[in-house]
Protein backbone atom coordinates (compact mmCIF):
# COMPACT_ATOMS: atom_id res chain seq x y z
CA MET A 1 215.28 -16.91 62.20
CA SER A 2 218.37 -19.03 61.71
CA ARG A 3 218.69 -22.57 62.60
CA LYS A 4 221.63 -23.85 64.49
CA THR A 5 223.33 -26.79 63.07
CA PRO A 6 224.00 -29.63 65.52
CA PRO A 7 227.58 -30.36 66.33
CA ALA A 8 229.37 -32.84 64.22
CA ARG A 9 229.51 -36.38 65.64
CA GLN A 10 232.83 -38.09 66.27
CA SER A 11 233.67 -41.12 64.28
CA SER A 12 234.35 -44.26 66.18
CA SER A 13 238.14 -44.05 65.32
CA GLN A 14 238.20 -40.49 66.84
CA ALA A 15 236.49 -41.62 69.95
CA GLU A 16 238.95 -44.63 70.24
CA SER A 17 241.95 -42.16 69.88
CA ALA A 18 240.42 -39.83 72.49
CA SER A 19 240.16 -42.66 75.05
CA THR A 20 243.69 -43.82 74.15
CA ILE A 21 245.02 -40.47 74.74
CA THR A 22 243.15 -40.37 78.07
CA ALA A 23 244.44 -43.85 79.16
CA ALA A 24 248.05 -42.73 78.20
CA MET A 25 247.69 -39.59 80.18
CA ALA A 26 246.41 -41.45 83.24
CA SER A 27 249.42 -43.84 83.07
CA ASN A 28 251.73 -40.94 83.28
CA ILE A 29 250.46 -39.66 86.63
CA ARG A 30 253.14 -39.83 89.36
CA ARG A 31 252.24 -41.83 92.16
CA PRO A 32 254.18 -41.83 95.49
CA SER A 33 256.78 -44.57 95.55
CA ARG A 34 256.95 -47.00 98.31
CA ILE A 35 259.88 -47.15 100.72
CA PRO A 36 261.39 -50.78 100.73
CA GLY A 37 260.04 -52.77 103.65
CA ASN A 38 257.40 -50.13 104.37
CA SER A 39 253.85 -50.61 103.42
CA LYS A 40 253.16 -46.69 103.50
CA PRO A 41 253.83 -44.52 100.54
CA ALA A 42 256.74 -42.12 100.61
CA ALA A 43 255.85 -38.63 101.94
CA LEU A 44 254.66 -36.28 99.19
CA PRO A 45 255.99 -32.75 98.93
CA GLU A 46 253.72 -30.11 100.18
CA ALA A 47 252.78 -29.00 96.75
CA ALA A 48 251.47 -32.37 95.93
CA LEU A 49 248.96 -32.45 98.91
CA THR A 50 245.28 -31.90 98.18
CA LYS A 51 243.69 -28.77 99.51
CA THR A 52 241.78 -30.95 102.14
CA GLN A 53 244.92 -32.57 103.20
CA GLN A 54 246.55 -29.16 103.73
CA VAL A 55 243.49 -27.92 105.72
CA ILE A 56 243.64 -31.11 107.92
CA GLY A 57 247.36 -30.44 108.50
CA LEU A 58 246.67 -26.75 109.65
CA LEU A 59 243.81 -28.07 111.84
CA ARG A 60 246.16 -30.36 113.75
CA ARG A 61 248.36 -27.47 114.82
CA LYS A 62 248.01 -26.92 118.63
CA THR A 63 246.98 -23.22 118.11
CA GLY A 64 244.51 -24.27 115.34
CA VAL A 65 243.65 -22.10 112.36
CA SER A 66 241.30 -19.29 111.42
CA ILE A 67 238.93 -19.19 108.50
CA LYS A 68 241.00 -16.29 107.13
CA GLU A 69 244.28 -18.39 107.04
CA LEU A 70 242.33 -21.31 105.49
CA GLN A 71 241.19 -18.93 102.76
CA GLU A 72 244.64 -17.86 102.02
CA VAL A 73 245.87 -21.44 101.82
CA THR A 74 243.06 -22.87 99.70
CA GLY A 75 241.78 -19.80 97.71
CA TRP A 76 238.20 -20.79 98.76
CA GLN A 77 235.46 -18.53 100.11
CA ALA A 78 234.60 -18.63 103.81
CA HIS A 79 231.30 -20.59 103.31
CA SER A 80 233.20 -23.34 101.28
CA ILE A 81 235.68 -23.80 103.96
CA ARG A 82 232.84 -24.00 106.78
CA GLY A 83 231.22 -26.69 104.53
CA LEU A 84 234.38 -28.68 104.39
CA LEU A 85 234.79 -28.49 108.18
CA SER A 86 231.25 -29.58 108.91
CA GLY A 87 230.34 -31.79 105.99
CA ALA A 88 233.44 -33.71 104.80
CA LEU A 89 235.82 -33.59 107.83
CA ARG A 90 233.20 -33.75 110.70
CA ASN A 91 230.50 -36.04 109.15
CA ARG A 92 232.26 -38.06 106.67
CA HIS A 93 235.69 -38.53 108.21
CA GLY A 94 234.47 -38.47 111.91
CA LEU A 95 237.09 -35.78 113.05
CA ASN A 96 236.38 -34.09 116.20
CA ILE A 97 236.54 -30.30 115.26
CA THR A 98 236.34 -27.70 117.82
CA SER A 99 236.25 -23.97 117.65
CA ASP A 100 237.34 -21.45 120.18
CA VAL A 101 237.47 -17.70 120.19
CA HIS A 102 241.09 -16.62 120.29
CA VAL A 103 242.45 -13.73 122.45
CA ASN A 104 242.39 -11.38 119.56
CA GLY A 105 238.61 -12.24 118.93
CA THR A 106 239.02 -14.38 115.93
CA ARG A 107 237.46 -17.89 115.85
CA ARG A 108 240.00 -20.65 115.52
CA TYR A 109 239.38 -24.22 114.54
CA ARG A 110 241.32 -27.33 115.44
CA ILE A 111 241.15 -31.05 115.46
CA GLU A 112 241.00 -32.37 119.00
CA ALA A 113 243.70 -34.62 120.15
CA GLY A 114 242.82 -38.23 119.99
CA SER A 115 240.61 -37.71 116.92
CA LYS A 116 241.44 -40.01 113.95
C-alpha cells in the first residue's frame, strides 16, 4: 500500500502574489461606460449579455419562444431552462411568464405585457 503525500502548502508570499494577480485581473474587467448626462450604462453588445438576459430578451418577444429555441441560444438542457423560468425569473424576479401551445403544437413561453 502506498501513501499519498499531501499537497505542498503555499508560502505566504505565493498566496499574496496569487491574490495580487486576482485583483489585477478584476481591475481589467470592462464595464459599460456611462453616457454623459445619463445615469444608465451604455447598451452592451449582444455577446456581452448574460444567458439569463438573452433568455429574458427572447421571452419579451410578442410571439414568445420555445424551449428548443432557448436550448440553442443558451446551450442548456431543457430541465435547466424550465428551472430558470420557474425559479429565477418567476419567483425571484417576479416576472409573469405564461405558456401557450402554438399552432404547430409546440409550447411557447413569453413574459406578459406589463410585467416588470
